[in-house]
């Protein structure tokens, strides 16, 4: 495995039904914790990372990522830092969504390369803006590598072009 750069890891499986039934608006949906399966998949992945000389863990502030990062930091005996701007892509810049289907449409548009100005719906964060936000955070940690970065599928895709399953990892050097 690579010994420098950033090891990007997607959080574990999220307990979406817990928040979906409450129809919470906007970022309140991001209070969802991991499922028990999500906790276990993060633990398994961290077991595979033990031989990598990581310096610390940096995490998105969203519950599913912080919970994953806390598991990783404990498993790997590393300090944990939270970075506000590592949060997931914003599917509705009005922050009014209350249903998963309201996220699915803009996400499908984003994956298809449709710019927010060309989308028939609420404005969403562009890939360019998301990647710039993520790269700015990573820039603050450049030189400290290798660092484990716990974040989200779309955030990782924005800087790597790769779509990861839950608790999967990829290097960004």
N, C-alpha and C. Protein backbone atom coordinates (compact mmCIF):
# COMPACT_ATOMS: atom_id res chain seq x y z
N UNK A 1 0.83 -1.20 0.00
CA UNK A 1 0.00 0.00 0.00
C UNK A 1 0.86 1.25 0.00
N UNK A 2 0.26 2.32 -0.44
CA UNK A 2 0.94 3.61 -0.46
C UNK A 2 1.23 4.07 0.96
N UNK A 3 2.36 4.73 1.17
CA UNK A 3 2.73 5.19 2.51
C UNK A 3 2.57 6.69 2.69
N UNK A 4 2.22 7.44 1.65
CA UNK A 4 2.06 8.88 1.78
C UNK A 4 0.73 9.32 1.22
N UNK A 5 0.36 10.54 1.53
CA UNK A 5 -0.90 11.07 1.02
C UNK A 5 -2.03 10.87 2.00
N UNK A 6 -3.22 10.76 1.44
CA UNK A 6 -4.43 10.65 2.24
C UNK A 6 -5.12 9.33 1.94
N UNK A 7 -5.44 8.60 2.98
CA UNK A 7 -6.23 7.39 2.82
C UNK A 7 -7.68 7.80 3.08
N UNK A 8 -8.45 7.91 2.00
CA UNK A 8 -9.84 8.32 2.11
C UNK A 8 -10.69 7.10 2.41
N UNK A 9 -11.53 7.23 3.42
CA UNK A 9 -12.40 6.12 3.81
C UNK A 9 -13.83 6.63 3.91
N UNK A 10 -14.73 5.89 3.28
CA UNK A 10 -16.15 6.23 3.42
C UNK A 10 -16.64 5.66 4.75
N UNK A 11 -17.54 6.38 5.38
CA UNK A 11 -18.14 5.94 6.65
C UNK A 11 -18.85 4.59 6.48
N UNK A 12 -19.21 3.98 7.59
CA UNK A 12 -19.94 2.72 7.57
C UNK A 12 -21.41 2.90 7.20
N UNK A 13 -22.09 1.76 7.09
CA UNK A 13 -23.52 1.76 6.71
C UNK A 13 -24.33 2.62 7.69
N UNK A 14 -25.17 3.47 7.12
CA UNK A 14 -25.93 4.46 7.90
C UNK A 14 -27.35 3.98 8.18
N UNK A 15 -27.84 4.30 9.35
CA UNK A 15 -29.21 3.95 9.75
C UNK A 15 -30.18 5.03 9.25
N UNK A 16 -30.35 5.10 7.92
CA UNK A 16 -31.23 6.12 7.33
C UNK A 16 -32.68 6.02 7.78
N UNK A 17 -33.26 4.82 7.95
CA UNK A 17 -34.66 4.77 8.36
C UNK A 17 -34.93 5.53 9.67
N UNK A 18 -33.95 5.57 10.54
CA UNK A 18 -34.10 6.27 11.81
C UNK A 18 -34.45 7.74 11.63
N UNK A 19 -33.84 8.39 10.64
CA UNK A 19 -34.15 9.81 10.39
C UNK A 19 -35.22 9.99 9.33
N UNK A 20 -35.30 9.07 8.36
CA UNK A 20 -36.27 9.23 7.28
C UNK A 20 -37.70 9.24 7.79
N UNK A 21 -38.02 8.43 8.79
CA UNK A 21 -39.39 8.40 9.31
C UNK A 21 -39.75 9.71 10.01
N UNK A 22 -38.76 10.45 10.43
CA UNK A 22 -39.01 11.73 11.12
C UNK A 22 -39.16 12.90 10.15
N UNK A 23 -38.81 12.67 8.86
CA UNK A 23 -38.89 13.70 7.83
C UNK A 23 -38.20 15.00 8.28
N UNK A 24 -37.00 14.84 8.79
CA UNK A 24 -36.22 15.98 9.25
C UNK A 24 -35.77 16.81 8.06
N UNK A 25 -35.77 18.14 8.19
CA UNK A 25 -35.36 18.98 7.06
C UNK A 25 -33.84 19.11 6.94
N UNK A 26 -33.39 19.16 5.70
CA UNK A 26 -32.00 19.50 5.40
C UNK A 26 -30.97 18.67 6.14
N UNK A 27 -29.98 19.37 6.68
CA UNK A 27 -28.85 18.70 7.33
C UNK A 27 -29.24 17.97 8.61
N UNK A 28 -30.45 18.16 9.12
CA UNK A 28 -30.87 17.37 10.28
C UNK A 28 -30.87 15.89 9.95
N UNK A 29 -31.02 15.54 8.67
CA UNK A 29 -30.93 14.14 8.24
C UNK A 29 -29.56 13.56 8.53
N UNK A 30 -28.56 14.40 8.63
CA UNK A 30 -27.20 13.93 8.82
C UNK A 30 -26.88 13.58 10.26
N UNK A 31 -27.91 13.55 11.11
CA UNK A 31 -27.75 13.09 12.48
C UNK A 31 -27.81 11.57 12.58
N UNK A 32 -28.09 10.90 11.47
CA UNK A 32 -28.23 9.44 11.47
C UNK A 32 -26.92 8.76 11.86
N UNK A 33 -26.99 7.83 12.83
CA UNK A 33 -25.80 7.07 13.21
C UNK A 33 -25.62 5.86 12.30
N UNK A 34 -24.60 5.09 12.58
CA UNK A 34 -24.35 3.84 11.86
C UNK A 34 -25.31 2.75 12.33
N UNK A 35 -25.56 1.80 11.46
CA UNK A 35 -26.23 0.57 11.87
C UNK A 35 -25.21 -0.30 12.60
N UNK A 36 -25.67 -1.36 13.24
CA UNK A 36 -24.71 -2.27 13.89
C UNK A 36 -23.81 -2.92 12.84
N UNK A 37 -24.36 -3.18 11.64
CA UNK A 37 -23.53 -3.71 10.55
C UNK A 37 -22.49 -2.68 10.13
N UNK A 38 -22.86 -1.40 10.13
CA UNK A 38 -21.92 -0.33 9.79
C UNK A 38 -20.77 -0.24 10.77
N UNK A 39 -21.09 -0.39 12.05
CA UNK A 39 -20.04 -0.39 13.09
C UNK A 39 -19.07 -1.54 12.83
N UNK A 40 -19.61 -2.72 12.55
CA UNK A 40 -18.76 -3.89 12.33
C UNK A 40 -17.91 -3.75 11.07
N UNK A 41 -18.47 -3.19 9.99
CA UNK A 41 -17.67 -3.07 8.77
C UNK A 41 -16.53 -2.07 8.96
N UNK A 42 -16.74 -1.03 9.76
CA UNK A 42 -15.65 -0.08 10.06
C UNK A 42 -14.58 -0.78 10.89
N UNK A 43 -14.99 -1.55 11.88
CA UNK A 43 -14.02 -2.29 12.71
C UNK A 43 -13.18 -3.25 11.85
N UNK A 44 -13.85 -3.97 10.95
CA UNK A 44 -13.12 -4.90 10.07
C UNK A 44 -12.11 -4.15 9.21
N UNK A 45 -12.54 -3.05 8.61
CA UNK A 45 -11.64 -2.27 7.75
C UNK A 45 -10.45 -1.77 8.55
N UNK A 46 -10.69 -1.29 9.75
CA UNK A 46 -9.58 -0.77 10.57
C UNK A 46 -8.58 -1.85 10.91
N UNK A 47 -9.06 -3.06 11.09
CA UNK A 47 -8.14 -4.18 11.31
C UNK A 47 -7.18 -4.36 10.15
N UNK A 48 -7.67 -4.09 8.95
CA UNK A 48 -6.84 -4.20 7.74
C UNK A 48 -5.85 -3.04 7.61
N UNK A 49 -6.09 -1.94 8.32
CA UNK A 49 -5.25 -0.75 8.20
C UNK A 49 -4.14 -0.69 9.24
N UNK A 50 -4.10 -1.63 10.14
CA UNK A 50 -3.16 -1.56 11.27
C UNK A 50 -1.70 -1.44 10.88
N UNK A 51 -1.29 -1.96 9.76
CA UNK A 51 0.11 -1.90 9.37
C UNK A 51 0.52 -0.61 8.68
N UNK A 52 -0.41 0.27 8.44
CA UNK A 52 -0.10 1.53 7.75
C UNK A 52 0.26 2.58 8.79
N UNK A 53 1.39 3.26 8.64
CA UNK A 53 1.84 4.23 9.66
C UNK A 53 1.08 5.57 9.56
N UNK A 54 -0.22 5.52 9.81
CA UNK A 54 -1.05 6.74 9.75
C UNK A 54 -0.72 7.66 10.92
N UNK A 55 -0.81 8.96 10.68
CA UNK A 55 -0.47 9.95 11.72
C UNK A 55 -1.66 10.27 12.61
N UNK A 56 -2.83 10.44 12.00
CA UNK A 56 -4.05 10.74 12.74
C UNK A 56 -5.25 10.53 11.83
N UNK A 57 -6.44 10.70 12.41
CA UNK A 57 -7.70 10.57 11.67
C UNK A 57 -8.34 11.95 11.62
N UNK A 58 -8.83 12.31 10.46
CA UNK A 58 -9.59 13.56 10.31
C UNK A 58 -10.95 13.18 9.75
N UNK A 59 -12.01 13.82 10.27
CA UNK A 59 -13.37 13.39 9.95
C UNK A 59 -14.28 14.54 9.57
N UNK A 60 -15.25 14.20 8.74
CA UNK A 60 -16.42 15.04 8.51
C UNK A 60 -17.14 15.20 9.86
N UNK A 61 -17.90 16.28 10.04
CA UNK A 61 -18.63 16.46 11.29
C UNK A 61 -19.96 15.71 11.34
N UNK A 62 -20.37 15.08 10.25
CA UNK A 62 -21.66 14.40 10.22
C UNK A 62 -21.59 13.12 11.05
N UNK A 63 -22.67 12.82 11.75
CA UNK A 63 -22.68 11.74 12.74
C UNK A 63 -22.10 10.44 12.21
N UNK A 64 -22.54 10.00 11.03
CA UNK A 64 -22.08 8.71 10.51
C UNK A 64 -20.57 8.69 10.29
N UNK A 65 -19.99 9.82 9.91
CA UNK A 65 -18.55 9.90 9.71
C UNK A 65 -17.81 10.00 11.04
N UNK A 66 -18.31 10.83 11.95
CA UNK A 66 -17.66 10.98 13.25
C UNK A 66 -17.67 9.65 14.00
N UNK A 67 -18.81 8.94 13.94
CA UNK A 67 -18.87 7.64 14.60
C UNK A 67 -17.86 6.67 13.98
N UNK A 68 -17.78 6.66 12.66
CA UNK A 68 -16.80 5.81 11.98
C UNK A 68 -15.38 6.22 12.36
N UNK A 69 -15.12 7.51 12.39
CA UNK A 69 -13.79 8.02 12.72
C UNK A 69 -13.41 7.69 14.16
N UNK A 70 -14.37 7.77 15.08
CA UNK A 70 -14.09 7.44 16.48
C UNK A 70 -13.71 5.96 16.61
N UNK A 71 -14.41 5.11 15.87
CA UNK A 71 -14.08 3.68 15.87
C UNK A 71 -12.66 3.49 15.32
N UNK A 72 -12.38 4.14 14.20
CA UNK A 72 -11.06 4.01 13.57
C UNK A 72 -9.95 4.54 14.47
N UNK A 73 -10.16 5.71 15.05
CA UNK A 73 -9.14 6.30 15.91
C UNK A 73 -8.87 5.40 17.11
N UNK A 74 -9.92 4.82 17.68
CA UNK A 74 -9.74 3.91 18.81
C UNK A 74 -9.02 2.64 18.41
N UNK A 75 -9.43 2.07 17.30
CA UNK A 75 -8.84 0.82 16.81
C UNK A 75 -7.37 1.00 16.45
N UNK A 76 -7.04 2.14 15.88
CA UNK A 76 -5.68 2.40 15.41
C UNK A 76 -4.85 3.21 16.41
N UNK A 77 -5.45 3.56 17.54
CA UNK A 77 -4.78 4.35 18.58
C UNK A 77 -4.21 5.65 18.02
N UNK A 78 -5.08 6.41 17.33
CA UNK A 78 -4.68 7.66 16.69
C UNK A 78 -5.52 8.83 17.20
N UNK A 79 -4.96 10.04 17.18
CA UNK A 79 -5.76 11.22 17.50
C UNK A 79 -6.82 11.45 16.43
N UNK A 80 -7.91 12.08 16.83
CA UNK A 80 -9.02 12.37 15.93
C UNK A 80 -9.25 13.87 15.86
N UNK A 81 -9.35 14.38 14.63
CA UNK A 81 -9.67 15.79 14.39
C UNK A 81 -10.92 15.85 13.53
N UNK A 82 -11.79 16.82 13.78
CA UNK A 82 -13.01 17.00 12.99
C UNK A 82 -12.86 18.27 12.16
N UNK A 83 -13.18 18.16 10.88
CA UNK A 83 -13.10 19.29 9.95
C UNK A 83 -14.49 19.57 9.39
N UNK A 84 -15.02 20.73 9.67
CA UNK A 84 -16.36 21.11 9.23
C UNK A 84 -16.55 20.92 7.74
N UNK A 85 -15.58 21.32 6.94
CA UNK A 85 -15.75 21.31 5.49
C UNK A 85 -15.53 19.95 4.83
N UNK A 86 -15.37 18.90 5.62
CA UNK A 86 -15.35 17.55 5.05
C UNK A 86 -16.76 16.97 4.96
N UNK A 87 -17.77 17.78 5.28
CA UNK A 87 -19.14 17.26 5.22
C UNK A 87 -19.51 16.83 3.82
N UNK A 88 -20.57 16.06 3.72
CA UNK A 88 -21.02 15.51 2.45
C UNK A 88 -21.53 16.61 1.53
N UNK A 89 -21.63 16.27 0.27
CA UNK A 89 -22.20 17.11 -0.78
C UNK A 89 -23.57 17.63 -0.34
N UNK A 90 -23.88 18.86 -0.73
CA UNK A 90 -25.17 19.47 -0.37
C UNK A 90 -26.13 19.33 -1.55
N UNK A 91 -27.17 18.48 -1.40
CA UNK A 91 -28.08 18.21 -2.51
C UNK A 91 -29.14 19.27 -2.74
N UNK A 92 -29.28 20.19 -1.81
CA UNK A 92 -30.29 21.25 -1.93
C UNK A 92 -29.78 22.44 -1.13
N UNK A 93 -29.31 23.45 -1.83
CA UNK A 93 -28.72 24.61 -1.16
C UNK A 93 -29.75 25.48 -0.44
N UNK A 94 -31.05 25.13 -0.57
CA UNK A 94 -32.08 25.80 0.23
C UNK A 94 -32.26 25.08 1.57
N UNK A 95 -31.66 23.89 1.70
CA UNK A 95 -31.71 23.07 2.92
C UNK A 95 -33.13 22.73 3.34
N UNK A 96 -34.01 22.52 2.37
CA UNK A 96 -35.41 22.23 2.68
C UNK A 96 -35.82 20.79 2.43
N UNK A 97 -34.91 19.90 2.03
CA UNK A 97 -35.34 18.54 1.72
C UNK A 97 -35.76 17.82 2.99
N UNK A 98 -36.77 16.97 2.86
CA UNK A 98 -37.26 16.19 4.00
C UNK A 98 -37.43 14.72 3.64
N UNK A 99 -37.19 14.37 2.38
CA UNK A 99 -37.42 13.01 1.92
C UNK A 99 -36.23 12.55 1.08
N UNK A 100 -35.83 11.29 1.22
CA UNK A 100 -34.68 10.80 0.44
C UNK A 100 -34.84 10.99 -1.06
N UNK A 101 -36.05 10.91 -1.56
CA UNK A 101 -36.26 11.08 -3.01
C UNK A 101 -35.87 12.48 -3.47
N UNK A 102 -35.92 13.44 -2.55
CA UNK A 102 -35.53 14.80 -2.90
C UNK A 102 -34.01 14.92 -3.03
N UNK A 103 -33.29 13.96 -2.55
CA UNK A 103 -31.83 13.91 -2.70
C UNK A 103 -31.46 13.08 -3.93
N UNK A 104 -32.25 12.06 -4.21
CA UNK A 104 -31.94 11.15 -5.32
C UNK A 104 -31.90 11.86 -6.67
N UNK A 105 -32.85 12.73 -6.94
CA UNK A 105 -32.89 13.41 -8.25
C UNK A 105 -31.66 14.27 -8.49
N UNK A 106 -31.30 15.17 -7.57
CA UNK A 106 -30.09 15.95 -7.82
C UNK A 106 -28.82 15.10 -7.84
N UNK A 107 -28.79 14.02 -7.05
CA UNK A 107 -27.61 13.16 -7.07
C UNK A 107 -27.47 12.48 -8.43
N UNK A 108 -28.56 12.01 -8.98
CA UNK A 108 -28.54 11.42 -10.31
C UNK A 108 -28.05 12.44 -11.34
N UNK A 109 -28.50 13.67 -11.20
CA UNK A 109 -28.06 14.74 -12.11
C UNK A 109 -26.56 15.00 -11.94
N UNK A 110 -26.09 15.05 -10.70
CA UNK A 110 -24.67 15.27 -10.44
C UNK A 110 -23.83 14.17 -11.07
N UNK A 111 -24.21 12.89 -10.84
CA UNK A 111 -23.46 11.76 -11.41
C UNK A 111 -23.43 11.87 -12.93
N UNK A 112 -24.51 12.39 -13.52
CA UNK A 112 -24.61 12.49 -14.98
C UNK A 112 -23.87 13.70 -15.54
N UNK A 113 -23.29 14.51 -14.66
CA UNK A 113 -22.53 15.67 -15.12
C UNK A 113 -23.38 16.90 -15.39
N UNK A 114 -24.61 16.90 -14.93
CA UNK A 114 -25.49 18.06 -15.12
C UNK A 114 -25.13 19.12 -14.09
N UNK A 115 -24.88 20.32 -14.57
CA UNK A 115 -24.54 21.43 -13.68
C UNK A 115 -25.81 21.91 -12.96
N UNK A 116 -25.66 22.42 -11.73
CA UNK A 116 -26.82 22.89 -10.98
C UNK A 116 -27.68 23.91 -11.74
N UNK A 117 -27.05 24.78 -12.53
CA UNK A 117 -27.83 25.79 -13.27
C UNK A 117 -28.70 25.16 -14.35
N UNK A 118 -28.39 23.94 -14.76
CA UNK A 118 -29.16 23.24 -15.80
C UNK A 118 -30.15 22.24 -15.22
N UNK A 119 -30.27 22.19 -13.91
CA UNK A 119 -31.12 21.22 -13.23
C UNK A 119 -32.49 21.81 -12.96
N UNK A 120 -33.52 21.02 -13.21
CA UNK A 120 -34.90 21.43 -12.96
C UNK A 120 -35.28 21.05 -11.53
N UNK A 121 -34.83 21.86 -10.60
CA UNK A 121 -35.09 21.59 -9.19
C UNK A 121 -34.27 22.55 -8.35
N UNK A 122 -34.26 22.34 -7.04
CA UNK A 122 -33.48 23.23 -6.17
C UNK A 122 -32.00 23.19 -6.54
N UNK A 123 -31.29 24.27 -6.33
CA UNK A 123 -29.86 24.29 -6.64
C UNK A 123 -29.10 23.34 -5.70
N UNK A 124 -28.08 22.70 -6.25
CA UNK A 124 -27.24 21.83 -5.44
C UNK A 124 -25.78 22.22 -5.60
N UNK A 125 -24.95 21.72 -4.71
CA UNK A 125 -23.51 22.01 -4.75
C UNK A 125 -22.90 21.31 -5.96
N UNK A 126 -22.17 22.05 -6.77
CA UNK A 126 -21.55 21.48 -7.96
C UNK A 126 -20.35 20.61 -7.57
N UNK A 127 -19.97 19.71 -8.48
CA UNK A 127 -18.79 18.88 -8.24
C UNK A 127 -17.57 19.77 -8.07
N UNK A 128 -17.45 20.79 -8.88
CA UNK A 128 -16.31 21.70 -8.80
C UNK A 128 -16.22 22.33 -7.41
N UNK A 129 -17.34 22.86 -6.92
CA UNK A 129 -17.34 23.51 -5.60
C UNK A 129 -17.06 22.51 -4.48
N UNK A 130 -17.65 21.33 -4.60
CA UNK A 130 -17.41 20.30 -3.59
C UNK A 130 -15.94 19.89 -3.58
N UNK A 131 -15.38 19.62 -4.73
CA UNK A 131 -13.97 19.21 -4.81
C UNK A 131 -13.06 20.30 -4.27
N UNK A 132 -13.37 21.55 -4.56
CA UNK A 132 -12.55 22.67 -4.05
C UNK A 132 -12.61 22.71 -2.53
N UNK A 133 -13.79 22.49 -1.96
CA UNK A 133 -13.96 22.49 -0.51
C UNK A 133 -13.16 21.35 0.12
N UNK A 134 -13.25 20.16 -0.47
CA UNK A 134 -12.53 19.00 0.07
C UNK A 134 -11.02 19.20 -0.07
N UNK A 135 -10.57 19.68 -1.21
CA UNK A 135 -9.13 19.90 -1.42
C UNK A 135 -8.58 20.97 -0.47
N UNK A 136 -9.38 21.96 -0.16
CA UNK A 136 -8.93 22.99 0.79
C UNK A 136 -8.68 22.36 2.17
N UNK A 137 -9.57 21.49 2.60
CA UNK A 137 -9.36 20.79 3.87
C UNK A 137 -8.10 19.92 3.81
N UNK A 138 -7.98 19.14 2.75
CA UNK A 138 -6.81 18.27 2.62
C UNK A 138 -5.52 19.09 2.60
N UNK A 139 -5.58 20.25 1.99
CA UNK A 139 -4.41 21.13 1.95
C UNK A 139 -3.93 21.53 3.33
N UNK A 140 -4.87 21.67 4.27
CA UNK A 140 -4.48 22.01 5.65
C UNK A 140 -3.73 20.87 6.33
N UNK A 141 -3.87 19.66 5.79
CA UNK A 141 -3.22 18.50 6.39
C UNK A 141 -2.07 17.97 5.54
N UNK A 142 -1.78 18.65 4.44
CA UNK A 142 -0.66 18.25 3.59
C UNK A 142 0.63 18.35 4.39
N UNK A 143 1.49 17.42 4.21
CA UNK A 143 2.75 17.40 4.97
C UNK A 143 2.63 16.59 6.24
N UNK A 144 1.40 16.31 6.68
CA UNK A 144 1.19 15.47 7.87
C UNK A 144 0.96 14.02 7.48
N UNK A 145 0.98 13.75 6.18
CA UNK A 145 0.59 12.44 5.69
C UNK A 145 1.54 11.33 6.15
N UNK A 146 1.05 10.10 6.15
CA UNK A 146 -0.28 9.70 5.70
C UNK A 146 -1.34 9.92 6.79
N UNK A 147 -2.51 10.37 6.35
CA UNK A 147 -3.62 10.68 7.23
C UNK A 147 -4.84 9.88 6.77
N UNK A 148 -5.59 9.34 7.72
CA UNK A 148 -6.85 8.68 7.41
C UNK A 148 -7.96 9.73 7.43
N UNK A 149 -8.68 9.86 6.33
CA UNK A 149 -9.74 10.86 6.19
C UNK A 149 -11.07 10.14 6.09
N UNK A 150 -11.94 10.33 7.10
CA UNK A 150 -13.26 9.72 7.11
C UNK A 150 -14.27 10.71 6.57
N UNK A 151 -14.88 10.37 5.45
CA UNK A 151 -15.82 11.29 4.82
C UNK A 151 -16.90 10.50 4.08
N UNK A 152 -17.38 11.01 2.98
CA UNK A 152 -18.61 10.53 2.34
C UNK A 152 -18.39 10.18 0.87
N UNK A 153 -19.33 9.41 0.34
CA UNK A 153 -19.23 8.89 -1.03
C UNK A 153 -19.05 9.99 -2.06
N UNK A 154 -19.91 10.99 -2.04
CA UNK A 154 -19.85 12.02 -3.08
C UNK A 154 -18.62 12.90 -2.87
N UNK A 155 -18.27 13.17 -1.63
CA UNK A 155 -17.07 13.95 -1.35
C UNK A 155 -15.83 13.24 -1.90
N UNK A 156 -15.73 11.94 -1.67
CA UNK A 156 -14.59 11.17 -2.18
C UNK A 156 -14.60 11.15 -3.71
N UNK A 157 -15.75 10.91 -4.30
CA UNK A 157 -15.88 10.89 -5.76
C UNK A 157 -15.45 12.22 -6.37
N UNK A 158 -15.77 13.31 -5.70
CA UNK A 158 -15.46 14.64 -6.27
C UNK A 158 -13.97 14.85 -6.50
N UNK A 159 -13.13 14.21 -5.68
CA UNK A 159 -11.68 14.40 -5.81
C UNK A 159 -10.95 13.20 -6.40
N UNK A 160 -11.63 12.06 -6.52
CA UNK A 160 -10.96 10.86 -7.05
C UNK A 160 -11.63 10.30 -8.30
N UNK A 161 -12.90 10.63 -8.50
CA UNK A 161 -13.66 10.02 -9.59
C UNK A 161 -14.10 8.60 -9.28
N UNK A 162 -13.86 8.14 -8.04
CA UNK A 162 -14.21 6.78 -7.65
C UNK A 162 -15.42 6.79 -6.70
N UNK A 163 -16.32 5.85 -6.92
CA UNK A 163 -17.46 5.67 -6.02
C UNK A 163 -17.16 4.49 -5.10
N UNK A 164 -17.17 4.76 -3.80
CA UNK A 164 -16.81 3.72 -2.83
C UNK A 164 -18.03 3.19 -2.10
N UNK A 165 -17.99 1.89 -1.80
CA UNK A 165 -18.99 1.30 -0.92
C UNK A 165 -18.70 1.75 0.51
N UNK A 166 -19.62 1.47 1.42
CA UNK A 166 -19.41 1.86 2.81
C UNK A 166 -18.17 1.17 3.37
N UNK A 167 -17.42 1.92 4.15
CA UNK A 167 -16.18 1.49 4.82
C UNK A 167 -15.06 1.11 3.85
N UNK A 168 -15.20 1.45 2.58
CA UNK A 168 -14.13 1.20 1.61
C UNK A 168 -13.12 2.34 1.66
N UNK A 169 -11.91 2.06 1.16
CA UNK A 169 -10.84 3.05 1.19
C UNK A 169 -10.20 3.21 -0.19
N UNK A 170 -9.61 4.38 -0.40
CA UNK A 170 -8.82 4.63 -1.60
C UNK A 170 -7.76 5.68 -1.25
N UNK A 171 -6.61 5.57 -1.88
CA UNK A 171 -5.54 6.54 -1.64
C UNK A 171 -5.68 7.74 -2.56
N UNK A 172 -5.37 8.91 -2.04
CA UNK A 172 -5.25 10.13 -2.82
C UNK A 172 -3.87 10.69 -2.50
N UNK A 173 -2.98 10.71 -3.49
CA UNK A 173 -1.61 11.19 -3.25
C UNK A 173 -1.35 12.47 -4.02
